[in-house]
Amino acid sequence: MANTLAVDIGGTRVKWALVDEAYGTPDRGSLSTDFSTADELVAAVVSIAREHAQGIAGVAISVPGTVLEDDPTGTITGGGALGYMDGCPLGQRVREETGLPVVVMNDGKSCALGEYAMGALKGCRVGVALAIGTGLGGGIVVDGRILAGAHGFAGEFSFLPTAYDQGFDIRCAAALGLSWRGLRDEVCRQKGLPDAEREATDGRTVFEWINAGDAAAQRGLDAYTRRLATLLFSLQATVDPDVFALGGGISAQPALLASLRANIDAMYEPWPLKQLPTPNVVLAQHGNDANLFGATYELRRRAARPE
């Protein structure tokens, strides 16, 4: 089988890899997302595809923004940090320029499918991937298919509220409260730091405090993972996954997973209706590569399905 060219378009970098049949990556690279128009970004993707045209059978693209599952044009709605991609029929344009099959997928959904293809969700009937970053990305996989929803919006966890008593308010959405900045803000609040010092604090510093035993920082971590555990229980009751795969930069910190599991256990212990399963949380295995693998998996799945 020929390789697939997988491309992950992010806010700062465009990462690409040739993905072989066993999901190995014999070649890879990246370039800065230093574009100001959709035309420039499309040209960059097409250039990478043409450079490897002799050895690839298709192009699988992971993007920020919403993409309808049954849209053959692969048109992006929104585009996240790349607002100029809003309305761009990316799949159609790359297909016309290269003559190759093309799949375009939302990056969170690509991540979930990548973990299903060969990662922490492999073998699950129902699995959820959550990626903690500037928001709360992720997706839902059911029987080897991504759950897209009627509007391509299923699995957009960033929009879920983390303070239900405040209603549907962007100020308490998961994108803010459960991003890595949400953890930073909670830790800095517990330490009584001023806003200016909070904004200058990065994730590495936060976990240096936590791992050193700073009591205020540990209280901040506990408050953060208590909110995250509440969200997981809500998703468990709604989707009922076998496994939650937790990814994103700060997920690599053992203290985060330990605190999250402790809060899950503490919440479940007094719960009187024990038929609600306890969320089973593990670490995602492939980091940013999950986006590349998930888009590749979807391209191959569509190519293999009967007409």
C-alpha atoms as a PDB file:
ATOM      1  CA  MET A   1       0.000   0.000   0.000  1.00  0.00           C
ATOM      2  CA  ALA A   2       1.275   3.471  -0.835  1.00  0.00           C
ATOM      3  CA  ASN A   3       1.841   5.974   1.925  1.00  0.00           C
ATOM      4  CA  THR A   4      -0.704   8.588   2.949  1.00  0.00           C
ATOM      5  CA  LEU A   5       0.336  12.216   3.245  1.00  0.00           C
ATOM      6  CA  ALA A   6      -1.111  13.387   6.556  1.00  0.00           C
ATOM      7  CA  VAL A   7      -1.169  17.117   7.308  1.00  0.00           C
ATOM      8  CA  ASP A   8      -2.051  18.700  10.652  1.00  0.00           C
ATOM      9  CA  ILE A   9      -2.780  22.414  10.290  1.00  0.00           C
ATOM     10  CA  GLY A  10      -2.359  24.230  13.593  1.00  0.00           C
ATOM     11  CA  GLY A  11      -2.321  27.824  14.690  1.00  0.00           C
ATOM     12  CA  THR A  12       1.482  28.071  14.686  1.00  0.00           C
ATOM     13  CA  ARG A  13       2.773  25.098  12.632  1.00  0.00           C
ATOM     14  CA  VAL A  14       1.697  22.954   9.714  1.00  0.00           C
ATOM     15  CA  LYS A  15       3.007  19.462  10.503  1.00  0.00           C
ATOM     16  CA  TRP A  16       3.077  16.713   7.889  1.00  0.00           C
ATOM     17  CA  ALA A  17       4.123  13.103   7.709  1.00  0.00           C
ATOM     18  CA  LEU A  18       4.135  10.232   5.279  1.00  0.00           C
ATOM     19  CA  VAL A  19       2.201   7.491   7.065  1.00  0.00           C
ATOM     20  CA  ASP A  20       2.756   3.897   5.980  1.00  0.00           C
ATOM     21  CA  GLU A  21       0.395   0.929   6.273  1.00  0.00           C
ATOM     22  CA  ALA A  22       1.499   0.199   9.863  1.00  0.00           C
ATOM     23  CA  TYR A  23       1.239   3.887  10.859  1.00  0.00           C
ATOM     24  CA  GLY A  24       4.965   4.359  10.778  1.00  0.00           C
ATOM     25  CA  THR A  25       6.238   7.741   9.590  1.00  0.00           C
ATOM     26  CA  PRO A  26       9.164   7.279   7.192  1.00  0.00           C
ATOM     27  CA  ASP A  27       9.303  11.003   6.504  1.00  0.00           C
ATOM     28  CA  ARG A  28       7.967  14.076   8.226  1.00  0.00           C
ATOM     29  CA  GLY A  29       8.414  17.819   8.477  1.00  0.00           C
ATOM     30  CA  SER A  30       6.767  21.092   9.399  1.00  0.00           C
ATOM     31  CA  LEU A  31       6.568  24.724   8.441  1.00  0.00           C
ATOM     32  CA  SER A  32       5.336  27.865  10.146  1.00  0.00           C
ATOM     33  CA  THR A  33       1.667  28.747   9.729  1.00  0.00           C
ATOM     34  CA  ASP A  34       2.837  32.145   8.592  1.00  0.00           C
ATOM     35  CA  PHE A  35       0.003  32.798   6.160  1.00  0.00           C
ATOM     36  CA  SER A  36      -2.549  35.556   5.850  1.00  0.00           C
ATOM     37  CA  THR A  37      -4.954  34.030   3.307  1.00  0.00           C
ATOM     38  CA  ALA A  38      -6.573  30.693   2.523  1.00  0.00           C
ATOM     39  CA  ASP A  39      -4.879  30.722  -0.891  1.00  0.00           C
ATOM     40  CA  GLU A  40      -1.437  30.784   0.720  1.00  0.00           C
ATOM     41  CA  LEU A  41      -2.220  27.890   3.042  1.00  0.00           C
ATOM     42  CA  VAL A  42      -3.784  25.799   0.261  1.00  0.00           C
ATOM     43  CA  ALA A  43      -0.707  26.420  -1.895  1.00  0.00           C
ATOM     44  CA  ALA A  44       1.545  25.202   0.923  1.00  0.00           C
ATOM     45  CA  VAL A  45      -0.415  21.950   1.356  1.00  0.00           C
ATOM     46  CA  VAL A  46      -0.462  21.360  -2.404  1.00  0.00           C
ATOM     47  CA  SER A  47       3.297  21.992  -2.578  1.00  0.00           C
ATOM     48  CA  ILE A  48       3.970  19.318   0.059  1.00  0.00           C
ATOM     49  CA  ALA A  49       1.697  16.865  -1.798  1.00  0.00           C
ATOM     50  CA  ARG A  50       3.408  17.499  -5.134  1.00  0.00           C
ATOM     51  CA  GLU A  51       6.828  17.040  -3.562  1.00  0.00           C
ATOM     52  CA  HIS A  52       5.815  13.502  -2.532  1.00  0.00           C
ATOM     53  CA  ALA A  53       3.383  12.765  -5.382  1.00  0.00           C
ATOM     54  CA  GLN A  54       5.131   9.582  -6.541  1.00  0.00           C
ATOM     55  CA  GLY A  55       4.743   7.824  -3.212  1.00  0.00           C
ATOM     56  CA  ILE A  56       1.320   8.754  -1.829  1.00  0.00           C
ATOM     57  CA  ALA A  57      -2.191   7.446  -2.409  1.00  0.00           C
ATOM     58  CA  GLY A  58      -4.096  10.302  -0.796  1.00  0.00           C
ATOM     59  CA  VAL A  59      -4.003  13.366   1.448  1.00  0.00           C
ATOM     60  CA  ALA A  60      -5.495  13.369   4.960  1.00  0.00           C
ATOM     61  CA  ILE A  61      -5.835  16.794   6.580  1.00  0.00           C
ATOM     62  CA  SER A  62      -6.572  17.739  10.202  1.00  0.00           C
ATOM     63  CA  VAL A  63      -7.790  21.314  10.694  1.00  0.00           C
ATOM     64  CA  PRO A  64      -9.195  23.662  13.329  1.00  0.00           C
ATOM     65  CA  GLY A  65     -12.853  24.479  12.767  1.00  0.00           C
ATOM     66  CA  THR A  66     -15.963  22.478  11.898  1.00  0.00           C
ATOM     67  CA  VAL A  67     -16.117  20.150   8.883  1.00  0.00           C
ATOM     68  CA  LEU A  68     -19.285  18.207   8.044  1.00  0.00           C
ATOM     69  CA  GLU A  69     -18.662  14.482   7.730  1.00  0.00           C
ATOM     70  CA  ASP A  70     -20.637  14.095   4.493  1.00  0.00           C
ATOM     71  CA  ASP A  71     -19.314  17.240   2.783  1.00  0.00           C
ATOM     72  CA  PRO A  72     -17.205  16.167  -0.216  1.00  0.00           C
ATOM     73  CA  THR A  73     -15.734  19.669  -0.515  1.00  0.00           C
ATOM     74  CA  GLY A  74     -14.171  19.541   2.971  1.00  0.00           C
ATOM     75  CA  THR A  75     -15.327  23.099   3.655  1.00  0.00           C
ATOM     76  CA  ILE A  76     -14.132  24.602   6.945  1.00  0.00           C
ATOM     77  CA  THR A  77     -16.463  26.603   9.152  1.00  0.00           C
ATOM     78  CA  GLY A  78     -14.788  28.837  11.714  1.00  0.00           C
ATOM     79  CA  GLY A  79     -11.144  27.912  11.451  1.00  0.00           C
ATOM     80  CA  GLY A  80     -10.143  28.655  15.030  1.00  0.00           C
ATOM     81  CA  ALA A  81      -7.009  30.791  15.116  1.00  0.00           C
ATOM     82  CA  LEU A  82      -6.934  30.694  11.307  1.00  0.00           C
ATOM     83  CA  GLY A  83     -10.044  32.766  10.708  1.00  0.00           C
ATOM     84  CA  TYR A  84      -9.171  33.273   7.051  1.00  0.00           C
ATOM     85  CA  MET A  85      -9.955  29.573   6.470  1.00  0.00           C
ATOM     86  CA  ASP A  86     -13.637  30.114   7.278  1.00  0.00           C
ATOM     87  CA  GLY A  87     -15.641  28.988   4.233  1.00  0.00           C
ATOM     88  CA  CYS A  88     -12.621  27.510   2.419  1.00  0.00           C
ATOM     89  CA  PRO A  89     -13.457  24.260   0.512  1.00  0.00           C
ATOM     90  CA  LEU A  90     -10.053  22.867   1.415  1.00  0.00           C
ATOM     91  CA  GLY A  91     -10.704  19.273   0.391  1.00  0.00           C
ATOM     92  CA  GLN A  92     -12.030  20.222  -3.026  1.00  0.00           C
ATOM     93  CA  ARG A  93      -9.177  22.607  -3.729  1.00  0.00           C
ATOM     94  CA  VAL A  94      -6.422  20.160  -2.766  1.00  0.00           C
ATOM     95  CA  ARG A  95      -8.129  17.347  -4.684  1.00  0.00           C
ATOM     96  CA  GLU A  96      -8.402  19.483  -7.832  1.00  0.00           C
ATOM     97  CA  GLU A  97      -4.753  20.534  -7.609  1.00  0.00           C
ATOM     98  CA  THR A  98      -3.320  17.062  -6.907  1.00  0.00           C
ATOM     99  CA  GLY A  99      -5.782  14.613  -8.444  1.00  0.00           C
ATOM    100  CA  LEU A 100      -5.642  12.585  -5.218  1.00  0.00           C
ATOM    101  CA  PRO A 101      -8.346  11.483  -2.765  1.00  0.00           C
ATOM    102  CA  VAL A 102      -8.554  13.989   0.103  1.00  0.00           C
ATOM    103  CA  VAL A 103     -10.192  13.893   3.527  1.00  0.00           C
ATOM    104  CA  VAL A 104     -10.491  16.959   5.768  1.00  0.00           C
ATOM    105  CA  MET A 105     -11.341  16.482   9.465  1.00  0.00           C
ATOM    106  CA  ASN A 106     -11.624  18.630  12.560  1.00  0.00           C
ATOM    107  CA  ASP A 107      -8.442  18.345  14.624  1.00  0.00           C
ATOM    108  CA  GLY A 108     -10.152  17.162  17.824  1.00  0.00           C
ATOM    109  CA  LYS A 109     -11.990  14.436  15.950  1.00  0.00           C
ATOM    110  CA  SER A 110      -8.763  13.468  14.181  1.00  0.00           C
ATOM    111  CA  CYS A 111      -7.085  13.179  17.576  1.00  0.00           C
ATOM    112  CA  ALA A 112      -9.776  10.838  18.900  1.00  0.00           C
ATOM    113  CA  LEU A 113      -9.700   8.667  15.796  1.00  0.00           C
ATOM    114  CA  GLY A 114      -5.914   8.526  15.896  1.00  0.00           C
ATOM    115  CA  GLU A 115      -5.998   7.192  19.452  1.00  0.00           C
ATOM    116  CA  TYR A 116      -8.568   4.643  18.288  1.00  0.00           C
ATOM    117  CA  ALA A 117      -6.482   3.575  15.284  1.00  0.00           C
ATOM    118  CA  MET A 118      -3.426   2.648  17.329  1.00  0.00           C
ATOM    119  CA  GLY A 119      -3.456   4.327  20.719  1.00  0.00           C
ATOM    120  CA  ALA A 120      -5.220   4.523  24.056  1.00  0.00           C
ATOM    121  CA  LEU A 121      -8.698   3.983  22.565  1.00  0.00           C
ATOM    122  CA  LYS A 122      -7.771   0.963  20.437  1.00  0.00           C
ATOM    123  CA  GLY A 123     -10.300  -1.836  20.845  1.00  0.00           C
ATOM    124  CA  CYS A 124     -12.898   0.369  22.531  1.00  0.00           C
ATOM    125  CA  ARG A 125     -16.490   0.261  21.423  1.00  0.00           C
ATOM    126  CA  VAL A 126     -16.976   3.805  22.709  1.00  0.00           C
ATOM    127  CA  GLY A 127     -14.049   6.092  23.478  1.00  0.00           C
ATOM    128  CA  VAL A 128     -13.499   9.758  24.223  1.00  0.00           C
ATOM    129  CA  ALA A 129     -10.303  11.730  23.718  1.00  0.00           C
ATOM    130  CA  LEU A 130      -9.770  15.037  25.499  1.00  0.00           C
ATOM    131  CA  ALA A 131      -6.820  17.298  24.775  1.00  0.00           C
ATOM    132  CA  ILE A 132      -6.031  20.045  27.286  1.00  0.00           C
ATOM    133  CA  GLY A 133      -4.548  23.043  25.514  1.00  0.00           C
ATOM    134  CA  THR A 134      -5.681  26.593  24.870  1.00  0.00           C
ATOM    135  CA  GLY A 135      -9.169  25.074  24.967  1.00  0.00           C
ATOM    136  CA  LEU A 136     -10.483  21.578  25.600  1.00  0.00           C
ATOM    137  CA  GLY A 137     -10.319  19.666  22.349  1.00  0.00           C
ATOM    138  CA  GLY A 138     -11.263  16.118  21.591  1.00  0.00           C
ATOM    139  CA  GLY A 139     -13.770  13.814  20.032  1.00  0.00           C
ATOM    140  CA  ILE A 140     -15.956  10.732  20.440  1.00  0.00           C
ATOM    141  CA  VAL A 141     -15.423   7.416  18.632  1.00  0.00           C
ATOM    142  CA  VAL A 142     -18.209   4.825  18.396  1.00  0.00           C
ATOM    143  CA  ASP A 143     -17.560   1.445  16.768  1.00  0.00           C
ATOM    144  CA  GLY A 144     -14.598   2.796  14.825  1.00  0.00           C
ATOM    145  CA  ARG A 145     -16.445   5.835  13.496  1.00  0.00           C
ATOM    146  CA  ILE A 146     -16.146   9.390  14.703  1.00  0.00           C
ATOM    147  CA  LEU A 147     -19.370  10.756  16.175  1.00  0.00           C
ATOM    148  CA  ALA A 148     -19.812  13.918  14.133  1.00  0.00           C
ATOM    149  CA  GLY A 149     -23.340  14.943  15.077  1.00  0.00           C
ATOM    150  CA  ALA A 150     -25.984  16.608  12.922  1.00  0.00           C
ATOM    151  CA  HIS A 151     -23.925  19.794  12.498  1.00  0.00           C
ATOM    152  CA  GLY A 152     -20.404  18.373  12.778  1.00  0.00           C
ATOM    153  CA  PHE A 153     -20.252  19.684  16.328  1.00  0.00           C
ATOM    154  CA  ALA A 154     -20.301  16.570  18.511  1.00  0.00           C
ATOM    155  CA  GLY A 155     -17.310  16.429  20.840  1.00  0.00           C
ATOM    156  CA  GLU A 156     -16.748  20.188  21.020  1.00  0.00           C
ATOM    157  CA  PHE A 157     -16.071  19.996  24.743  1.00  0.00           C
ATOM    158  CA  SER A 158     -14.767  23.569  24.967  1.00  0.00           C
ATOM    159  CA  PHE A 159     -18.345  24.829  24.841  1.00  0.00           C
ATOM    160  CA  LEU A 160     -19.548  22.835  27.844  1.00  0.00           C
ATOM    161  CA  PRO A 161     -20.107  24.881  31.015  1.00  0.00           C
ATOM    162  CA  THR A 162     -18.019  24.227  34.105  1.00  0.00           C
ATOM    163  CA  ALA A 163     -20.253  26.259  36.447  1.00  0.00           C
ATOM    164  CA  TYR A 164     -23.812  25.189  35.758  1.00  0.00           C
ATOM    165  CA  ASP A 165     -25.412  27.701  38.100  1.00  0.00           C
ATOM    166  CA  GLN A 166     -24.181  30.522  35.840  1.00  0.00           C
ATOM    167  CA  GLY A 167     -25.983  29.186  32.787  1.00  0.00           C
ATOM    168  CA  PHE A 168     -24.562  29.132  29.272  1.00  0.00           C
ATOM    169  CA  ASP A 169     -21.925  31.801  29.780  1.00  0.00           C
ATOM    170  CA  ILE A 170     -18.697  31.949  27.765  1.00  0.00           C
ATOM    171  CA  ARG A 171     -16.887  33.077  30.909  1.00  0.00           C
ATOM    172  CA  CYS A 172     -17.433  29.680  32.524  1.00  0.00           C
ATOM    173  CA  ALA A 173     -17.044  27.514  29.403  1.00  0.00           C
ATOM    174  CA  ALA A 174     -14.609  24.615  29.483  1.00  0.00           C
ATOM    175  CA  ALA A 175     -12.441  26.444  26.939  1.00  0.00           C
ATOM    176  CA  LEU A 176     -11.478  28.846  29.709  1.00  0.00           C
ATOM    177  CA  GLY A 177     -11.955  26.939  32.955  1.00  0.00           C
ATOM    178  CA  LEU A 178     -10.416  23.640  31.806  1.00  0.00           C
ATOM    179  CA  SER A 179      -7.669  24.868  29.495  1.00  0.00           C
ATOM    180  CA  TRP A 180      -4.103  24.862  30.809  1.00  0.00           C
ATOM    181  CA  ARG A 181      -4.632  28.547  31.564  1.00  0.00           C
ATOM    182  CA  GLY A 182      -7.611  27.563  33.712  1.00  0.00           C
ATOM    183  CA  LEU A 183      -5.259  25.502  35.865  1.00  0.00           C
ATOM    184  CA  ARG A 184      -2.710  28.312  35.946  1.00  0.00           C
ATOM    185  CA  ASP A 185      -5.343  30.855  36.974  1.00  0.00           C
ATOM    186  CA  GLU A 186      -6.674  28.606  39.750  1.00  0.00           C
ATOM    187  CA  VAL A 187      -3.195  27.951  41.132  1.00  0.00           C
ATOM    188  CA  CYS A 188      -2.283  31.655  41.010  1.00  0.00           C
ATOM    189  CA  ARG A 189      -5.578  32.550  42.679  1.00  0.00           C
ATOM    190  CA  GLN A 190      -4.854  30.126  45.520  1.00  0.00           C
ATOM    191  CA  LYS A 191      -1.382  31.643  45.880  1.00  0.00           C
ATOM    192  CA  GLY A 192      -2.803  35.162  45.935  1.00  0.00           C
ATOM    193  CA  LEU A 193      -0.702  36.352  43.001  1.00  0.00           C
ATOM    194  CA  PRO A 194      -1.610  39.592  41.183  1.00  0.00           C
ATOM    195  CA  ASP A 195      -2.927  39.489  37.619  1.00  0.00           C
ATOM    196  CA  ALA A 196       0.339  40.687  36.086  1.00  0.00           C
ATOM    197  CA  GLU A 197       2.312  37.879  37.726  1.00  0.00           C
ATOM    198  CA  ARG A 198      -0.362  35.356  36.774  1.00  0.00           C
ATOM    199  CA  GLU A 199      -0.113  36.272  33.087  1.00  0.00           C
ATOM    200  CA  ALA A 200       3.658  35.803  33.215  1.00  0.00           C
ATOM    201  CA  THR A 201       3.354  32.312  34.721  1.00  0.00           C
ATOM    202  CA  ASP A 202       3.710  29.310  32.393  1.00  0.00           C
ATOM    203  CA  GLY A 203       2.705  25.675  32.829  1.00  0.00           C
ATOM    204  CA  ARG A 204       6.220  24.564  33.731  1.00  0.00           C
ATOM    205  CA  THR A 205       6.301  26.960  36.678  1.00  0.00           C
ATOM    206  CA  VAL A 206       2.862  25.833  37.853  1.00  0.00           C
ATOM    207  CA  PHE A 207       3.983  22.208  38.051  1.00  0.00           C
ATOM    208  CA  GLU A 208       7.285  23.128  39.678  1.00  0.00           C
ATOM    209  CA  TRP A 209       5.204  24.592  42.506  1.00  0.00           C
ATOM    210  CA  ILE A 210       2.869  21.588  42.612  1.00  0.00           C
ATOM    211  CA  ASN A 211       5.652  18.994  42.518  1.00  0.00           C
ATOM    212  CA  ALA A 212       7.625  20.863  45.184  1.00  0.00           C
ATOM    213  CA  GLY A 213       4.707  20.454  47.586  1.00  0.00           C
ATOM    214  CA  ASP A 214       3.474  24.060  47.555  1.00  0.00           C
ATOM    215  CA  ALA A 215       0.190  23.757  49.483  1.00  0.00           C
ATOM    216  CA  ALA A 216      -1.571  26.611  47.670  1.00  0.00           C
ATOM    217  CA  ALA A 217      -0.562  25.263  44.265  1.00  0.00           C
ATOM    218  CA  GLN A 218      -1.816  21.820  45.214  1.00  0.00           C
ATOM    219  CA  ARG A 219      -5.141  23.317  46.300  1.00  0.00           C
ATOM    220  CA  GLY A 220      -5.354  24.964  42.894  1.00  0.00           C
ATOM    221  CA  LEU A 221      -4.683  21.647  41.156  1.00  0.00           C
ATOM    222  CA  ASP A 222      -7.350  19.961  43.271  1.00  0.00           C
ATOM    223  CA  ALA A 223      -9.936  22.630  42.420  1.00  0.00           C
ATOM    224  CA  TYR A 224      -9.105  22.325  38.726  1.00  0.00           C
ATOM    225  CA  THR A 225      -9.281  18.537  38.560  1.00  0.00           C
ATOM    226  CA  ARG A 226     -12.520  18.569  40.586  1.00  0.00           C
ATOM    227  CA  ARG A 227     -14.106  20.602  37.777  1.00  0.00           C
ATOM    228  CA  LEU A 228     -12.617  18.266  35.187  1.00  0.00           C
ATOM    229  CA  ALA A 229     -13.888  15.211  37.066  1.00  0.00           C
ATOM    230  CA  THR A 230     -17.390  16.730  37.142  1.00  0.00           C
ATOM    231  CA  LEU A 231     -17.261  17.145  33.373  1.00  0.00           C
ATOM    232  CA  LEU A 232     -16.138  13.518  32.943  1.00  0.00           C
ATOM    233  CA  PHE A 233     -19.054  12.249  35.027  1.00  0.00           C
ATOM    234  CA  SER A 234     -21.412  14.287  32.842  1.00  0.00           C
ATOM    235  CA  LEU A 235     -19.873  12.766  29.722  1.00  0.00           C
ATOM    236  CA  GLN A 236     -19.972   9.285  31.263  1.00  0.00           C
ATOM    237  CA  ALA A 237     -23.701   9.630  31.829  1.00  0.00           C
ATOM    238  CA  THR A 238     -24.229  11.030  28.319  1.00  0.00           C
ATOM    239  CA  VAL A 239     -21.886   8.987  26.105  1.00  0.00           C
ATOM    240  CA  ASP A 240     -20.855   6.113  28.438  1.00  0.00           C
ATOM    241  CA  PRO A 241     -17.368   5.511  27.024  1.00  0.00           C
ATOM    242  CA  ASP A 242     -15.134   2.565  27.860  1.00  0.00           C
ATOM    243  CA  VAL A 243     -12.150   4.887  28.170  1.00  0.00           C
ATOM    244  CA  PHE A 244     -11.280   8.581  28.360  1.00  0.00           C
ATOM    245  CA  ALA A 245      -7.867   9.266  26.786  1.00  0.00           C
ATOM    246  CA  LEU A 246      -6.389  12.448  28.239  1.00  0.00           C
ATOM    247  CA  GLY A 247      -3.872  14.385  26.142  1.00  0.00           C
ATOM    248  CA  GLY A 248      -2.407  17.840  25.730  1.00  0.00           C
ATOM    249  CA  GLY A 249       0.821  19.251  27.134  1.00  0.00           C
ATOM    250  CA  ILE A 250      -0.005  19.260  30.840  1.00  0.00           C
ATOM    251  CA  SER A 251      -1.426  15.718  30.752  1.00  0.00           C
ATOM    252  CA  ALA A 252       2.173  14.450  30.791  1.00  0.00           C
ATOM    253  CA  GLN A 253       2.466  15.610  34.410  1.00  0.00           C
ATOM    254  CA  PRO A 254       1.799  12.601  36.722  1.00  0.00           C
ATOM    255  CA  ALA A 255       0.378  14.917  39.390  1.00  0.00           C
ATOM    256  CA  LEU A 256      -2.498  15.911  37.100  1.00  0.00           C
ATOM    257  CA  LEU A 257      -3.730  12.377  36.432  1.00  0.00           C
ATOM    258  CA  ALA A 258      -3.263  11.385  40.075  1.00  0.00           C
ATOM    259  CA  SER A 259      -5.306  14.373  41.271  1.00  0.00           C
ATOM    260  CA  LEU A 260      -8.012  13.748  38.661  1.00  0.00           C
ATOM    261  CA  ARG A 261      -8.380  10.098  39.623  1.00  0.00           C
ATOM    262  CA  ALA A 262      -8.497  11.016  43.312  1.00  0.00           C
ATOM    263  CA  ASN A 263     -11.310  13.478  42.661  1.00  0.00           C
ATOM    264  CA  ILE A 264     -13.212  10.946  40.556  1.00  0.00           C
ATOM    265  CA  ASP A 265     -13.016   8.425  43.412  1.00  0.00           C
ATOM    266  CA  ALA A 266     -13.973  11.035  46.022  1.00  0.00           C
ATOM    267  CA  MET A 267     -17.030  12.094  44.008  1.00  0.00           C
ATOM    268  CA  TYR A 268     -18.150   8.543  43.289  1.00  0.00           C
ATOM    269  CA  GLU A 269     -17.827   7.171  46.823  1.00  0.00           C
ATOM    270  CA  PRO A 270     -20.949   8.895  48.252  1.00  0.00           C
ATOM    271  CA  TRP A 271     -22.937   8.568  44.996  1.00  0.00           C
ATOM    272  CA  PRO A 272     -25.948   6.379  45.863  1.00  0.00           C
ATOM    273  CA  LEU A 273     -26.722   5.054  42.358  1.00  0.00           C
ATOM    274  CA  LYS A 274     -23.809   2.759  41.646  1.00  0.00           C
ATOM    275  CA  GLN A 275     -25.022   1.773  38.170  1.00  0.00           C
ATOM    276  CA  LEU A 276     -23.263   4.909  36.894  1.00  0.00           C
ATOM    277  CA  PRO A 277     -19.842   3.637  35.756  1.00  0.00           C
ATOM    278  CA  THR A 278     -16.741   5.339  37.104  1.00  0.00           C
ATOM    279  CA  PRO A 279     -14.883   7.254  34.375  1.00  0.00           C
ATOM    280  CA  ASN A 280     -11.838   5.235  33.284  1.00  0.00           C
ATOM    281  CA  VAL A 281      -9.129   7.788  32.498  1.00  0.00           C
ATOM    282  CA  VAL A 282      -5.814   6.901  30.848  1.00  0.00           C
ATOM    283  CA  LEU A 283      -3.163   8.948  29.095  1.00  0.00           C
ATOM    284  CA  ALA A 284      -3.332   9.417  25.345  1.00  0.00           C
ATOM    285  CA  GLN A 285      -0.367   7.807  23.598  1.00  0.00           C
ATOM    286  CA  HIS A 286       0.443   9.791  20.492  1.00  0.00           C
ATOM    287  CA  GLY A 287       0.395  13.506  21.262  1.00  0.00           C
ATOM    288  CA  ASN A 288       0.159  15.644  18.129  1.00  0.00           C
ATOM    289  CA  ASP A 289       0.736  12.583  15.950  1.00  0.00           C
ATOM    290  CA  ALA A 290      -2.773  11.397  16.850  1.00  0.00           C
ATOM    291  CA  ASN A 291      -4.162  14.100  14.539  1.00  0.00           C
ATOM    292  CA  LEU A 292      -2.065  12.762  11.659  1.00  0.00           C
ATOM    293  CA  PHE A 293      -3.020   9.149  12.351  1.00  0.00           C
ATOM    294  CA  GLY A 294      -6.720   9.880  12.796  1.00  0.00           C
ATOM    295  CA  ALA A 295      -7.083  11.738   9.504  1.00  0.00           C
ATOM    296  CA  THR A 296      -5.135   8.922   7.813  1.00  0.00           C
ATOM    297  CA  TYR A 297      -7.401   6.292   9.352  1.00  0.00           C
ATOM    298  CA  GLU A 298     -10.497   8.112   8.081  1.00  0.00           C
ATOM    299  CA  LEU A 299      -9.107   8.463   4.563  1.00  0.00           C
ATOM    300  CA  ARG A 300      -8.356   4.728   4.437  1.00  0.00           C
ATOM    301  CA  ARG A 301     -11.714   3.804   5.950  1.00  0.00           C
ATOM    302  CA  ARG A 302     -13.557   5.769   3.278  1.00  0.00           C
ATOM    303  CA  ALA A 303     -11.391   4.308   0.523  1.00  0.00           C
ATOM    304  CA  ALA A 304     -12.152   0.770   1.703  1.00  0.00           C
ATOM    305  CA  ARG A 305     -15.934   1.124   2.078  1.00  0.00           C
ATOM    306  CA  PRO A 306     -18.128  -0.323  -0.679  1.00  0.00           C
ATOM    307  CA  GLU A 307     -19.751   2.133  -3.067  1.00  0.00           C
END
